[in-house]
C-alpha atoms as a PDB file:
ATOM      1  CA  MET A   1     206.990 100.722 120.895  1.00  0.00           C
ATOM      2  CA  PRO A   2     204.431 102.559 123.149  1.00  0.00           C
ATOM      3  CA  PRO A   3     201.463 101.387 121.006  1.00  0.00           C
ATOM      4  CA  LEU A   4     202.605  97.753 121.390  1.00  0.00           C
ATOM      5  CA  GLN A   5     202.956  98.227 125.128  1.00  0.00           C
ATOM      6  CA  LYS A   6     199.485  99.718 125.383  1.00  0.00           C
ATOM      7  CA  ARG A   7     198.048  96.802 123.399  1.00  0.00           C
ATOM      8  CA  VAL A   8     199.602  94.276 125.753  1.00  0.00           C
ATOM      9  CA  LEU A   9     198.258  96.143 128.775  1.00  0.00           C
ATOM     10  CA  ASP A  10     194.786  96.368 127.160  1.00  0.00           C
ATOM     11  CA  GLN A  11     194.747  92.654 126.497  1.00  0.00           C
ATOM     12  CA  ALA A  12     195.783  91.763 130.021  1.00  0.00           C
ATOM     13  CA  ALA A  13     193.215  93.764 131.942  1.00  0.00           C
ATOM     14  CA  GLY A  14     192.893  90.979 134.512  1.00  0.00           C
ATOM     15  CA  ALA A  15     196.595  91.085 135.466  1.00  0.00           C
ATOM     16  CA  PRO A  16     197.956  94.576 134.740  1.00  0.00           C
ATOM     17  CA  THR A  17     200.970  94.192 137.068  1.00  0.00           C
ATOM     18  CA  LEU A  18     202.098  91.004 135.425  1.00  0.00           C
ATOM     19  CA  ALA A  19     201.545  92.507 132.007  1.00  0.00           C
ATOM     20  CA  SER A  20     203.651  95.551 132.940  1.00  0.00           C
ATOM     21  CA  ALA A  21     206.503  93.317 134.105  1.00  0.00           C
ATOM     22  CA  VAL A  22     206.492  91.272 130.930  1.00  0.00           C
ATOM     23  CA  ASN A  23     205.715  94.261 128.678  1.00  0.00           C
ATOM     24  CA  ILE A  24     208.610  96.397 129.772  1.00  0.00           C
ATOM     25  CA  GLY A  25     210.976  93.469 130.194  1.00  0.00           C
ATOM     26  CA  ALA A  26     212.113  90.735 127.914  1.00  0.00           C
ATOM     27  CA  VAL A  27     209.172  90.091 125.643  1.00  0.00           C
ATOM     28  CA  ASN A  28     208.827  93.372 123.741  1.00  0.00           C
ATOM     29  CA  LEU A  29     212.543  94.140 123.720  1.00  0.00           C
ATOM     30  CA  GLY A  30     213.335  90.595 122.711  1.00  0.00           C
ATOM     31  CA  ALA A  31     210.868  90.776 119.840  1.00  0.00           C
ATOM     32  CA  PHE A  32     212.403  94.009 118.587  1.00  0.00           C
ATOM     33  CA  ASN A  33     215.936  92.561 118.903  1.00  0.00           C
ATOM     34  CA  LEU A  34     214.913  89.414 117.091  1.00  0.00           C
ATOM     35  CA  GLY A  35     213.427  91.511 114.305  1.00  0.00           C
ATOM     36  CA  ASN A  36     216.577  93.575 113.960  1.00  0.00           C
ATOM     37  CA  ALA A  37     218.766  90.463 113.903  1.00  0.00           C
ATOM     38  CA  LEU A  38     216.581  88.691 111.412  1.00  0.00           C
ATOM     39  CA  ALA A  39     216.539  91.685 109.061  1.00  0.00           C
ATOM     40  CA  ALA A  40     220.300  92.078 109.217  1.00  0.00           C
ATOM     41  CA  TRP A  41     220.857  88.362 108.606  1.00  0.00           C
ATOM     42  CA  LEU A  42     218.428  88.251 105.693  1.00  0.00           C
ATOM     43  CA  GLY A  43     219.913  91.426 104.213  1.00  0.00           C
ATOM     44  CA  GLY A  44     223.383  89.835 104.402  1.00  0.00           C
ATOM     45  CA  LEU A  45     222.048  86.699 102.763  1.00  0.00           C
ATOM     46  CA  VAL A  46     220.697  88.520  99.756  1.00  0.00           C
ATOM     47  CA  ILE A  47     223.911  90.532  99.329  1.00  0.00           C
ATOM     48  CA  ALA A  48     225.985  87.339  99.615  1.00  0.00           C
ATOM     49  CA  ALA A  49     223.730  85.712  97.086  1.00  0.00           C
ATOM     50  CA  GLY A  50     224.797  88.383  94.611  1.00  0.00           C
ATOM     51  CA  LEU A  51     221.431  90.142  94.344  1.00  0.00           C
ATOM     52  CA  GLY A  52     223.069  93.544  94.770  1.00  0.00           C
ATOM     53  CA  TRP A  53     223.364  96.280  97.315  1.00  0.00           C
ATOM     54  CA  THR A  54     219.744  97.343  96.952  1.00  0.00           C
ATOM     55  CA  ALA A  55     218.325  93.819  97.603  1.00  0.00           C
ATOM     56  CA  PRO A  56     218.123  94.378 101.406  1.00  0.00           C
ATOM     57  CA  ASN A  57     215.532  97.078 100.662  1.00  0.00           C
ATOM     58  CA  TRP A  58     213.266  94.357  99.239  1.00  0.00           C
ATOM     59  CA  VAL A  59     213.906  92.205 102.263  1.00  0.00           C
ATOM     60  CA  GLY A  60     212.861  95.100 104.496  1.00  0.00           C
ATOM     61  CA  ALA A  61     209.719  95.668 102.429  1.00  0.00           C
ATOM     62  CA  ALA A  62     208.834  91.975 102.675  1.00  0.00           C
ATOM     63  CA  LEU A  63     209.304  91.967 106.464  1.00  0.00           C
ATOM     64  CA  ALA A  64     207.263  95.142 106.853  1.00  0.00           C
ATOM     65  CA  ALA A  65     204.457  93.676 104.686  1.00  0.00           C
ATOM     66  CA  SER A  66     204.498  90.433 106.727  1.00  0.00           C
ATOM     67  CA  ALA A  67     204.286  92.494 109.967  1.00  0.00           C
ATOM     68  CA  LEU A  68     201.304  94.413 108.517  1.00  0.00           C
ATOM     69  CA  VAL A  69     199.554  91.140 107.588  1.00  0.00           C
ATOM     70  CA  LEU A  70     200.146  89.842 111.127  1.00  0.00           C
ATOM     71  CA  ALA A  71     198.760  93.034 112.648  1.00  0.00           C
ATOM     72  CA  LEU A  72     195.663  92.914 110.444  1.00  0.00           C
ATOM     73  CA  VAL A  73     194.996  89.251 111.279  1.00  0.00           C
ATOM     74  CA  SER A  74     195.472  90.045 114.996  1.00  0.00           C
ATOM     75  CA  GLY A  75     193.022  92.925 114.829  1.00  0.00           C
ATOM     76  CA  ALA A  76     190.475  90.797 112.938  1.00  0.00           C
ATOM     77  CA  LEU A  77     190.721  88.006 115.560  1.00  0.00           C
ATOM     78  CA  GLU A  78     190.303  90.563 118.363  1.00  0.00           C
ATOM     79  CA  ARG A  79     187.249  92.051 116.728  1.00  0.00           C
ATOM     80  CA  ARG A  80     185.727  88.605 116.206  1.00  0.00           C
ATOM     81  CA  THR A  81     186.322  87.704 119.806  1.00  0.00           C
ATOM     82  CA  ALA A  82     184.958  90.990 121.068  1.00  0.00           C
ATOM     83  CA  SER A  83     181.774  90.670 118.991  1.00  0.00           C
ATOM     84  CA  ARG A  84     180.783  87.364 120.680  1.00  0.00           C
ATOM     85  CA  PRO A  85     178.310  87.486 123.602  1.00  0.00           C
ATOM     86  CA  ALA A  86     180.015  87.437 127.001  1.00  0.00           C
ATOM     87  CA  GLY A  87     179.166  83.793 127.748  1.00  0.00           C
ATOM     88  CA  ALA A  88     179.910  82.409 124.274  1.00  0.00           C
ATOM     89  CA  ALA A  89     183.589  81.893 124.928  1.00  0.00           C
ATOM     90  CA  ALA A  90     182.872  80.135 128.214  1.00  0.00           C
ATOM     91  CA  ARG A  91     180.316  77.858 126.553  1.00  0.00           C
ATOM     92  CA  THR A  92     182.799  77.055 123.766  1.00  0.00           C
ATOM     93  CA  VAL A  93     185.439  76.006 126.302  1.00  0.00           C
ATOM     94  CA  ALA A  94     182.900  74.141 128.420  1.00  0.00           C
ATOM     95  CA  ALA A  95     181.528  72.282 125.430  1.00  0.00           C
ATOM     96  CA  GLY A  96     184.965  70.791 124.649  1.00  0.00           C
ATOM     97  CA  ALA A  97     185.959  70.172 128.223  1.00  0.00           C
ATOM     98  CA  PRO A  98     185.306  66.873 129.984  1.00  0.00           C
ATOM     99  CA  ALA A  99     182.567  66.814 132.623  1.00  0.00           C
ATOM    100  CA  ALA A 100     183.673  67.742 136.102  1.00  0.00           C
ATOM    101  CA  VAL A 101     184.189  64.719 138.352  1.00  0.00           C
ATOM    102  CA  PRO A 102     183.010  65.206 141.928  1.00  0.00           C
ATOM    103  CA  VAL A 103     185.721  64.837 144.536  1.00  0.00           C
ATOM    104  CA  HIS A 104     184.759  62.729 147.581  1.00  0.00           C
ATOM    105  CA  HIS A 105     186.719  63.175 150.778  1.00  0.00           C
END
């Protein structure tokens, strides 16, 4: 869990206090609890389907493989974003945004 917490803090450099509150609180713990519940439920499903007592091992392997794919995609997206020039992201957003309308008082 510490590597995940560090990643969240690294990504939220602009608001470290907010990231700490979310990171230690519900989000990370909720994700782990959801993963545990999903694995137990899927393991029970494959046993109930008559696939045998070793079938939950395959469910665990599939869940671990999907988590690895998600981590690799996340890392690739982060590297792609980091390799852009500093103003490129702002220009991309500005290009798709409507023109600012002056406010008259």
